[in-house]
Amino acid sequence: MDLFEWVKDIEKVYEDLIGNAKKLNLNEIEEYRKEQNEKFEDFIIKINVLVNTAIGNITVESDIKTNTFEKKLDKAIQNIETEFKKNLENLQKLIIEEVGLDF
């Protein structure tokens, strides 16, 4: 009978060792997962800052280019209007001649 009790004691020690190993490994895995999550969150924050900075730079550059284009377009329209006004009388004469109303 003593043999069976030793076997039970050995089984108990074995179960305790396995239980402790599971707890230790689980704690290590949870710690590792927590560290990886923190690293990933830091990485995501850095990427978000980079993307937001790039979007901001693109927005500023786009605004500058848009303003430049609008100024050039306004100047071109003004030049067209000026030339049109200068040549309006000549244009009217040309139309009258082409239509045949120049009596």
C-alpha atoms as a PDB file:
ATOM      1  CA  MET A   1       0.000   0.000   0.000  1.00  0.00           C
ATOM      2  CA  ASP A   2       2.859   2.353   0.597  1.00  0.00           C
ATOM      3  CA  LEU A   3       3.757   2.038  -3.057  1.00  0.00           C
ATOM      4  CA  PHE A   4       0.346   3.352  -4.124  1.00  0.00           C
ATOM      5  CA  GLU A   5       0.640   6.296  -1.781  1.00  0.00           C
ATOM      6  CA  TRP A   6       4.052   7.156  -3.194  1.00  0.00           C
ATOM      7  CA  VAL A   7       2.606   6.962  -6.660  1.00  0.00           C
ATOM      8  CA  LYS A   8      -0.199   9.320  -5.568  1.00  0.00           C
ATOM      9  CA  ASP A   9       2.380  11.667  -4.079  1.00  0.00           C
ATOM     10  CA  ILE A  10       4.430  11.534  -7.265  1.00  0.00           C
ATOM     11  CA  GLU A  11       1.264  12.206  -9.308  1.00  0.00           C
ATOM     12  CA  LYS A  12       0.434  15.153  -7.058  1.00  0.00           C
ATOM     13  CA  VAL A  13       3.950  16.593  -7.452  1.00  0.00           C
ATOM     14  CA  TYR A  14       3.752  16.024 -11.213  1.00  0.00           C
ATOM     15  CA  GLU A  15       0.347  17.772 -11.432  1.00  0.00           C
ATOM     16  CA  ASP A  16       1.643  20.653  -9.335  1.00  0.00           C
ATOM     17  CA  LEU A  17       4.714  21.008 -11.568  1.00  0.00           C
ATOM     18  CA  ILE A  18       2.580  20.989 -14.703  1.00  0.00           C
ATOM     19  CA  GLY A  19       0.141  23.510 -13.172  1.00  0.00           C
ATOM     20  CA  ASN A  20       2.977  25.832 -12.162  1.00  0.00           C
ATOM     21  CA  ALA A  21       4.590  25.536 -15.591  1.00  0.00           C
ATOM     22  CA  LYS A  22       1.273  26.394 -17.257  1.00  0.00           C
ATOM     23  CA  LYS A  23       0.844  29.448 -15.053  1.00  0.00           C
ATOM     24  CA  LEU A  24       4.412  30.623 -15.709  1.00  0.00           C
ATOM     25  CA  ASN A  25       4.129  30.091 -19.447  1.00  0.00           C
ATOM     26  CA  LEU A  26       0.737  31.788 -19.533  1.00  0.00           C
ATOM     27  CA  ASN A  27       2.127  34.763 -17.637  1.00  0.00           C
ATOM     28  CA  GLU A  28       5.107  34.956 -20.001  1.00  0.00           C
ATOM     29  CA  ILE A  29       2.843  34.733 -23.036  1.00  0.00           C
ATOM     30  CA  GLU A  30       0.541  37.432 -21.678  1.00  0.00           C
ATOM     31  CA  GLU A  31       3.529  39.655 -20.887  1.00  0.00           C
ATOM     32  CA  TYR A  32       4.934  39.106 -24.400  1.00  0.00           C
ATOM     33  CA  ARG A  33       1.550  39.853 -25.982  1.00  0.00           C
ATOM     34  CA  LYS A  34       1.248  43.033 -23.912  1.00  0.00           C
ATOM     35  CA  GLU A  35       4.731  44.163 -25.015  1.00  0.00           C
ATOM     36  CA  GLN A  36       3.917  43.438 -28.658  1.00  0.00           C
ATOM     37  CA  ASN A  37       0.617  45.332 -28.413  1.00  0.00           C
ATOM     38  CA  GLU A  38       2.437  48.344 -26.951  1.00  0.00           C
ATOM     39  CA  LYS A  39       5.048  48.217 -29.717  1.00  0.00           C
ATOM     40  CA  PHE A  40       2.310  47.952 -32.339  1.00  0.00           C
ATOM     41  CA  GLU A  41       0.393  50.878 -30.825  1.00  0.00           C
ATOM     42  CA  ASP A  42       3.579  52.987 -30.836  1.00  0.00           C
ATOM     43  CA  PHE A  43       4.174  52.003 -34.456  1.00  0.00           C
ATOM     44  CA  ILE A  44       0.592  52.950 -35.396  1.00  0.00           C
ATOM     45  CA  ILE A  45       0.953  56.319 -33.626  1.00  0.00           C
ATOM     46  CA  LYS A  46       4.203  57.029 -35.520  1.00  0.00           C
ATOM     47  CA  ILE A  47       2.612  56.045 -38.825  1.00  0.00           C
ATOM     48  CA  ASN A  48      -0.438  58.234 -38.092  1.00  0.00           C
ATOM     49  CA  VAL A  49       1.824  61.198 -37.349  1.00  0.00           C
ATOM     50  CA  LEU A  50       3.729  60.560 -40.577  1.00  0.00           C
ATOM     51  CA  VAL A  51       0.532  60.250 -42.631  1.00  0.00           C
ATOM     52  CA  ASN A  52      -1.022  63.335 -41.035  1.00  0.00           C
ATOM     53  CA  THR A  53       2.147  65.316 -41.686  1.00  0.00           C
ATOM     54  CA  ALA A  54       2.219  64.174 -45.311  1.00  0.00           C
ATOM     55  CA  ILE A  55      -1.456  65.076 -45.755  1.00  0.00           C
ATOM     56  CA  GLY A  56      -0.807  68.473 -44.193  1.00  0.00           C
ATOM     57  CA  ASN A  57       2.146  69.095 -46.501  1.00  0.00           C
ATOM     58  CA  ILE A  58       0.153  68.031 -49.541  1.00  0.00           C
ATOM     59  CA  THR A  59      -2.730  70.275 -48.490  1.00  0.00           C
ATOM     60  CA  VAL A  60      -0.452  73.283 -48.092  1.00  0.00           C
ATOM     61  CA  GLU A  61       1.273  72.611 -51.421  1.00  0.00           C
ATOM     62  CA  SER A  62      -2.080  72.084 -53.130  1.00  0.00           C
ATOM     63  CA  ASP A  63      -3.411  75.370 -51.731  1.00  0.00           C
ATOM     64  CA  ILE A  64      -0.313  77.217 -52.969  1.00  0.00           C
ATOM     65  CA  LYS A  65      -0.614  75.684 -56.453  1.00  0.00           C
ATOM     66  CA  THR A  66      -4.365  76.391 -56.561  1.00  0.00           C
ATOM     67  CA  ASN A  67      -3.840  80.023 -55.574  1.00  0.00           C
ATOM     68  CA  THR A  68      -1.096  80.420 -58.182  1.00  0.00           C
ATOM     69  CA  PHE A  69      -3.309  78.879 -60.853  1.00  0.00           C
ATOM     70  CA  GLU A  70      -6.268  81.078 -59.877  1.00  0.00           C
ATOM     71  CA  LYS A  71      -4.087  84.202 -60.066  1.00  0.00           C
ATOM     72  CA  LYS A  72      -2.762  83.222 -63.494  1.00  0.00           C
ATOM     73  CA  LEU A  73      -6.279  82.417 -64.690  1.00  0.00           C
ATOM     74  CA  ASP A  74      -7.613  85.758 -63.397  1.00  0.00           C
ATOM     75  CA  LYS A  75      -4.755  87.576 -65.131  1.00  0.00           C
ATOM     76  CA  ALA A  76      -5.415  85.697 -68.378  1.00  0.00           C
ATOM     77  CA  ILE A  77      -9.130  86.557 -68.190  1.00  0.00           C
ATOM     78  CA  GLN A  78      -8.271  90.207 -67.573  1.00  0.00           C
ATOM     79  CA  ASN A  79      -5.901  90.180 -70.565  1.00  0.00           C
ATOM     80  CA  ILE A  80      -8.598  88.620 -72.755  1.00  0.00           C
ATOM     81  CA  GLU A  81     -11.141  91.214 -71.597  1.00  0.00           C
ATOM     82  CA  THR A  82      -8.665  94.047 -72.233  1.00  0.00           C
ATOM     83  CA  GLU A  83      -7.826  92.774 -75.721  1.00  0.00           C
ATOM     84  CA  PHE A  84     -11.497  92.199 -76.467  1.00  0.00           C
ATOM     85  CA  LYS A  85     -12.350  95.768 -75.436  1.00  0.00           C
ATOM     86  CA  LYS A  86      -9.462  97.097 -77.537  1.00  0.00           C
ATOM     87  CA  ASN A  87     -10.623  95.200 -80.603  1.00  0.00           C
ATOM     88  CA  LEU A  88     -14.381  95.498 -80.063  1.00  0.00           C
ATOM     89  CA  GLU A  89     -14.773  98.331 -82.574  1.00  0.00           C
ATOM     90  CA  ASN A  90     -12.686  96.496 -85.166  1.00  0.00           C
ATOM     91  CA  LEU A  91     -14.666  93.311 -84.483  1.00  0.00           C
ATOM     92  CA  GLN A  92     -17.960  95.146 -84.975  1.00  0.00           C
ATOM     93  CA  LYS A  93     -16.711  96.595 -88.283  1.00  0.00           C
ATOM     94  CA  LEU A  94     -15.519  93.184 -89.423  1.00  0.00           C
ATOM     95  CA  ILE A  95     -18.869  91.582 -88.589  1.00  0.00           C
ATOM     96  CA  ILE A  96     -20.745  94.307 -90.454  1.00  0.00           C
ATOM     97  CA  GLU A  97     -18.492  93.849 -93.492  1.00  0.00           C
ATOM     98  CA  GLU A  98     -18.790  90.042 -93.412  1.00  0.00           C
ATOM     99  CA  VAL A  99     -22.579  90.151 -93.119  1.00  0.00           C
ATOM    100  CA  GLY A 100     -22.717  92.706 -95.869  1.00  0.00           C
ATOM    101  CA  LEU A 101     -24.371  95.535 -93.977  1.00  0.00           C
ATOM    102  CA  ASP A 102     -21.710  98.125 -94.722  1.00  0.00           C
ATOM    103  CA  PHE A 103     -23.673 100.643 -96.742  1.00  0.00           C
END
